[in-house]
Amino acid sequence: MKRLENNIRRFVLMMALLFTSTISSSLVSADTYIVGAQDIEYYPYYNFSSDHEKGLGWAILEAFSKQSGHRFVYLSMPAKRLQIEMKKGNVDFVFPDNPRWSAEINHSINKVYSEPLAETFAVTLVKTANRGKGITHVTQLATPNGFSPVKWKRQIRNGAVKVTSVNSVYDGLRKLQNNKVDALDVEYNAAKNVIRRFPQIGPFTTDLTLPHNVVSFSLSTLKHREIIAELNAFLLSESDSINEIKAKYGIEDTEQLIERLMREQNISADKRWKPL
């Protein structure tokens, strides 16, 4: 059984190398690691299925790779399979990950997380005409596959809100455009990127009177704690360079972003949504 698992791992690694074209297919370095990545496009944070620009998470990991000498290859797969494949040993790391996700798996394994590579702003997007109508206006909520709208768990649990999973941010925006849902649970910059590419849809607005929160994206592993420790040291020592990478991808400081949106929407602190 052990030999079979090792053979499967070698096969997965070679397929990843061929797919990403990151190194020669003739040899696999002992210092090469597989990063299992969500196969959804969530640019500017990640789009590991792209042949070219893979996003902020990739850029930071590649900068770490250049400094440390560790080589990473990226294998895209459905979000629900990431934890399973890491537990099997078929991938070394998972990105993005967060201790609050996949709770039924995380609680049963000894997993370690890096410091956040990025802080994201998960928001509720509505049609601009519906901004400020309140939480009871939302009865149908869209969210990308693999994501859990934890901010809405009370409304979902009591049946006030039904959730529709979508294959991409664009699909969610189309459902919102066509009144198939009342709101989209999505990351602010990921939605902004799609809207910029498809200006014919919308207009949409981040409604700060509806659920929103800050979510960190980390790298996780079961076996390579020493690599996570190296990555954490890199994130600390190279903070200026990482801020430059974030600026390249148009990532605004989250607190500054929230303050700007509150001014633009004329929302006071007491009107902004707060978790119960």
Protein backbone atom coordinates (compact mmCIF):
# COMPACT_ATOMS: atom_id res chain seq x y z
CA MET A 1 0.00 0.00 0.00
CA LYS A 2 2.85 2.39 0.88
CA ARG A 3 4.51 1.72 -2.49
CA LEU A 4 1.22 2.38 -4.28
CA GLU A 5 0.78 5.71 -2.44
CA ASN A 6 4.34 6.72 -3.35
CA ASN A 7 3.72 5.83 -6.98
CA ILE A 8 0.54 7.88 -7.02
CA ARG A 9 2.37 10.86 -5.51
CA ARG A 10 5.17 10.63 -8.08
CA PHE A 11 2.60 10.45 -10.87
CA VAL A 12 0.73 13.52 -9.55
CA LEU A 13 3.97 15.46 -9.24
CA MET A 14 5.08 14.63 -12.77
CA MET A 15 1.67 15.58 -14.18
CA ALA A 16 1.84 18.88 -12.31
CA LEU A 17 5.28 19.58 -13.70
CA LEU A 18 4.18 18.84 -17.25
CA PHE A 19 1.04 20.92 -16.84
CA THR A 20 2.76 23.99 -15.45
CA SER A 21 5.89 23.67 -17.61
CA THR A 22 7.95 24.89 -14.70
CA ILE A 23 10.86 22.48 -15.00
CA SER A 24 12.22 19.84 -17.29
CA SER A 25 10.20 16.65 -17.33
CA SER A 26 13.34 14.55 -17.15
CA LEU A 27 14.16 15.03 -13.45
CA VAL A 28 12.26 15.96 -10.30
CA SER A 29 14.21 17.81 -7.63
CA ALA A 30 13.99 16.58 -4.05
CA ASP A 31 13.35 20.22 -3.12
CA THR A 32 10.25 20.52 -5.32
CA TYR A 33 6.88 20.79 -3.61
CA ILE A 34 3.32 20.56 -4.89
CA VAL A 35 0.96 23.37 -3.95
CA GLY A 36 -2.67 22.34 -4.28
CA ALA A 37 -4.61 25.40 -5.35
CA GLN A 38 -8.28 26.22 -5.78
CA ASP A 39 -9.23 25.94 -9.43
CA ILE A 40 -11.55 28.95 -9.36
CA GLU A 41 -10.44 32.26 -10.87
CA TYR A 42 -10.16 34.65 -7.93
CA TYR A 43 -7.88 37.25 -9.45
CA PRO A 44 -6.07 39.41 -8.34
CA TYR A 45 -5.40 36.94 -5.50
CA TYR A 46 -5.04 33.80 -7.59
CA ASN A 47 -5.83 32.14 -10.89
CA PHE A 48 -3.59 29.06 -10.92
CA SER A 49 -5.22 27.67 -14.06
CA SER A 50 -3.79 30.57 -16.07
CA ASP A 51 -0.78 29.90 -18.28
CA HIS A 52 0.56 33.38 -17.58
CA GLU A 53 -0.55 35.66 -14.75
CA LYS A 54 -1.47 33.62 -11.68
CA GLY A 55 -2.08 36.42 -9.19
CA LEU A 56 -0.83 37.80 -5.90
CA GLY A 57 -0.52 34.51 -3.99
CA TRP A 58 1.57 33.00 -6.75
CA ALA A 59 3.75 36.13 -7.01
CA ILE A 60 4.56 36.06 -3.28
CA LEU A 61 5.30 32.32 -3.30
CA GLU A 62 7.52 32.74 -6.36
CA ALA A 63 9.42 35.56 -4.63
CA PHE A 64 9.90 33.25 -1.65
CA SER A 65 10.98 30.46 -4.00
CA LYS A 66 13.62 32.68 -5.58
CA GLN A 67 15.07 33.63 -2.21
CA SER A 68 14.88 30.21 -0.53
CA GLY A 69 15.66 27.90 -3.43
CA HIS A 70 12.51 25.85 -2.83
CA ARG A 71 10.64 25.09 -6.04
CA PHE A 72 6.85 25.07 -6.14
CA VAL A 73 4.58 23.61 -8.76
CA TYR A 74 0.89 24.38 -8.68
CA LEU A 75 -1.87 21.86 -9.18
CA SER A 76 -5.38 23.29 -9.54
CA MET A 77 -8.31 21.25 -8.26
CA PRO A 78 -11.79 21.78 -6.79
CA ALA A 79 -11.67 23.44 -3.39
CA LYS A 80 -13.36 20.52 -1.65
CA ARG A 81 -10.57 18.14 -2.79
CA LEU A 82 -7.65 20.21 -1.56
CA GLN A 83 -7.74 19.06 2.06
CA ILE A 84 -8.40 15.46 1.02
CA GLU A 85 -5.40 15.35 -1.31
CA MET A 86 -3.12 16.92 1.29
CA LYS A 87 -4.25 14.38 3.86
CA LYS A 88 -3.49 11.60 1.34
CA GLY A 89 -0.04 13.07 0.76
CA ASN A 90 -0.63 13.91 -2.90
CA VAL A 91 0.02 17.62 -2.32
CA ASP A 92 2.48 19.22 0.09
CA PHE A 93 0.74 22.55 0.63
CA VAL A 94 -2.68 24.11 0.12
CA PHE A 95 -3.36 27.69 -0.96
CA PRO A 96 -5.42 29.55 -0.04
CA ASP A 97 -6.27 28.15 3.36
CA ASN A 98 -7.61 29.44 6.65
CA PRO A 99 -8.10 27.76 10.05
CA ARG A 100 -11.82 28.58 9.87
CA TRP A 101 -12.38 26.58 6.67
CA SER A 102 -13.10 22.87 6.22
CA ALA A 103 -13.60 22.53 9.96
CA GLU A 104 -14.51 18.83 9.84
CA ILE A 105 -11.10 18.07 8.28
CA ASN A 106 -9.00 20.67 10.08
CA HIS A 107 -10.01 19.43 13.51
CA SER A 108 -8.88 15.89 12.76
CA ILE A 109 -5.39 16.60 11.44
CA ASN A 110 -2.29 18.34 12.73
CA LYS A 111 -2.13 21.14 10.18
CA VAL A 112 0.02 24.27 10.38
CA TYR A 113 -0.67 27.59 8.68
CA SER A 114 1.62 30.36 7.52
CA GLU A 115 1.12 33.97 8.40
CA PRO A 116 -1.34 35.53 5.91
CA LEU A 117 -0.01 36.10 2.41
CA ALA A 118 -2.95 38.42 1.88
CA GLU A 119 -5.88 39.89 3.74
CA THR A 120 -9.05 39.90 1.67
CA PHE A 121 -12.30 41.79 2.11
CA ALA A 122 -15.31 39.50 1.81
CA VAL A 123 -18.38 41.62 1.10
CA THR A 124 -22.03 41.44 0.11
CA LEU A 125 -22.53 42.83 -3.36
CA VAL A 126 -25.97 44.05 -4.44
CA LYS A 127 -27.42 45.99 -7.33
CA THR A 128 -26.73 49.67 -6.70
CA ALA A 129 -30.47 50.42 -6.70
CA ASN A 130 -30.91 47.99 -3.80
CA ARG A 131 -28.17 49.34 -1.54
CA GLY A 132 -29.38 50.09 1.96
CA LYS A 133 -32.57 48.04 1.79
CA GLY A 134 -31.47 45.93 4.73
CA ILE A 135 -30.69 42.32 5.45
CA THR A 136 -34.32 41.19 5.12
CA HIS A 137 -34.22 42.17 1.43
CA VAL A 138 -31.76 39.32 0.80
CA THR A 139 -33.46 35.92 0.53
CA GLN A 140 -31.34 34.43 -2.30
CA LEU A 141 -27.55 34.60 -1.95
CA ALA A 142 -24.92 33.44 -4.45
CA THR A 143 -21.43 32.34 -3.44
CA PRO A 144 -18.55 30.78 -5.44
CA ASN A 145 -18.13 27.00 -5.26
CA GLY A 146 -15.98 25.94 -2.33
CA PHE A 147 -16.70 29.09 -0.31
CA SER A 148 -18.89 29.14 2.79
CA PRO A 149 -20.84 32.34 3.53
CA VAL A 150 -20.15 32.11 7.27
CA LYS A 151 -21.28 35.71 7.78
CA TRP A 152 -24.78 34.61 6.79
CA LYS A 153 -24.93 31.41 8.85
CA ARG A 154 -27.70 32.60 11.18
CA GLN A 155 -29.97 33.63 8.29
CA ILE A 156 -29.17 30.39 6.44
CA ARG A 157 -29.80 28.26 9.51
CA ASN A 158 -33.21 29.79 10.20
CA GLY A 159 -34.25 29.52 6.55
CA ALA A 160 -34.38 33.24 5.81
CA VAL A 161 -31.64 32.96 3.16
CA LYS A 162 -31.05 30.27 0.55
CA VAL A 163 -27.60 29.85 -0.99
CA THR A 164 -26.80 29.21 -4.64
CA SER A 165 -23.27 28.06 -5.54
CA VAL A 166 -21.77 29.44 -8.74
CA ASN A 167 -18.79 28.28 -10.78
CA SER A 168 -17.16 31.70 -11.00
CA VAL A 169 -17.43 35.28 -9.83
CA TYR A 170 -18.70 36.18 -13.30
CA ASP A 171 -21.51 33.61 -13.02
CA GLY A 172 -22.50 35.12 -9.68
CA LEU A 173 -22.56 38.62 -11.13
CA ARG A 174 -24.72 37.42 -14.02
CA LYS A 175 -27.21 35.87 -11.61
CA LEU A 176 -27.28 39.12 -9.66
CA GLN A 177 -27.73 41.09 -12.88
CA ASN A 178 -30.64 38.89 -13.95
CA ASN A 179 -32.36 38.96 -10.53
CA LYS A 180 -31.77 35.25 -9.97
CA VAL A 181 -30.27 36.18 -6.60
CA ASP A 182 -30.52 39.24 -4.37
CA ALA A 183 -26.84 39.43 -3.43
CA LEU A 184 -23.42 37.91 -4.06
CA ASP A 185 -21.06 36.91 -1.24
CA VAL A 186 -17.67 37.68 -2.80
CA GLU A 187 -14.25 39.25 -2.24
CA TYR A 188 -14.23 42.96 -3.07
CA ASN A 189 -11.18 43.01 -5.36
CA ALA A 190 -12.10 39.76 -7.13
CA ALA A 191 -15.52 41.20 -8.00
CA LYS A 192 -13.97 44.53 -8.99
CA ASN A 193 -11.61 42.76 -11.38
CA VAL A 194 -14.46 40.97 -13.19
CA ILE A 195 -16.65 44.09 -13.33
CA ARG A 196 -13.74 46.00 -14.88
CA ARG A 197 -13.48 43.35 -17.61
CA PHE A 198 -17.25 43.27 -18.23
CA PRO A 199 -18.48 46.86 -17.83
CA GLN A 200 -21.80 46.00 -19.47
CA ILE A 201 -22.98 44.28 -16.30
CA GLY A 202 -24.07 46.13 -13.21
CA PRO A 203 -23.98 48.61 -11.63
CA PHE A 204 -23.26 46.82 -8.36
CA THR A 205 -22.33 48.16 -4.94
CA THR A 206 -20.67 46.78 -1.82
CA ASP A 207 -23.34 47.29 0.84
CA LEU A 208 -21.64 47.88 4.18
CA THR A 209 -24.96 47.58 6.01
CA LEU A 210 -24.88 43.89 5.03
CA PRO A 211 -22.49 41.13 6.24
CA HIS A 212 -18.78 41.60 5.46
CA ASN A 213 -15.50 40.65 7.08
CA VAL A 214 -11.74 40.41 6.58
CA VAL A 215 -10.47 36.95 5.60
CA SER A 216 -6.81 35.95 5.51
CA PHE A 217 -5.28 33.68 2.84
CA SER A 218 -2.49 31.48 4.18
CA LEU A 219 -0.40 28.53 2.99
CA SER A 220 -1.00 25.32 4.95
CA THR A 221 0.78 21.99 5.29
CA LEU A 222 0.81 18.77 7.27
CA LYS A 223 4.44 17.72 6.82
CA HIS A 224 6.60 20.75 6.09
CA ARG A 225 6.56 22.92 9.17
CA GLU A 226 10.12 24.06 8.49
CA ILE A 227 9.07 25.53 5.12
CA ILE A 228 6.20 27.40 6.78
CA ALA A 229 8.67 28.79 9.33
CA GLU A 230 10.94 29.95 6.50
CA LEU A 231 7.98 31.52 4.70
CA ASN A 232 6.90 33.35 7.86
CA ALA A 233 10.41 34.77 8.26
CA PHE A 234 10.37 35.83 4.61
CA LEU A 235 6.99 37.57 4.98
CA LEU A 236 8.37 39.52 7.94
CA SER A 237 11.78 40.43 6.54
CA GLU A 238 10.55 41.26 3.03
CA SER A 239 7.42 43.21 4.01
CA ASP A 240 8.39 46.19 1.86
CA SER A 241 8.84 44.01 -1.23
CA ILE A 242 5.56 42.24 -0.54
CA ASN A 243 3.77 45.59 -0.22
CA GLU A 244 5.18 46.47 -3.63
CA ILE A 245 3.77 43.24 -5.04
CA LYS A 246 0.37 44.03 -3.51
CA ALA A 247 0.47 47.51 -5.01
CA LYS A 248 1.22 45.98 -8.41
CA TYR A 249 -1.98 43.96 -8.13
CA GLY A 250 -4.00 46.96 -6.95
CA ILE A 251 -4.61 45.62 -3.43
CA GLU A 252 -5.66 48.48 -1.17
CA ASP A 253 -5.15 48.34 2.59
CA THR A 254 -8.37 46.88 3.97
CA GLU A 255 -8.93 49.43 6.74
CA GLN A 256 -8.34 52.30 4.32
CA LEU A 257 -10.71 50.63 1.84
CA ILE A 258 -13.47 50.31 4.45
CA GLU A 259 -13.05 53.95 5.50
CA ARG A 260 -13.23 55.07 1.87
CA LEU A 261 -16.38 53.05 1.19
CA MET A 262 -18.03 54.41 4.32
CA ARG A 263 -17.34 57.97 3.17
CA GLU A 264 -18.57 57.26 -0.36
CA GLN A 265 -21.78 55.64 0.91
CA ASN A 266 -22.22 58.17 3.73
CA ILE A 267 -22.43 55.36 6.28
CA SER A 268 -21.67 56.10 9.92
CA ALA A 269 -20.04 53.54 12.18
CA ASP A 270 -23.34 52.76 13.91
CA LYS A 271 -25.00 51.93 10.56
CA ARG A 272 -22.26 49.60 9.39
CA TRP A 273 -23.05 45.87 9.75
CA LYS A 274 -21.67 44.22 12.85
CA PRO A 275 -21.76 40.50 13.63
CA LEU A 276 -24.10 39.46 16.43
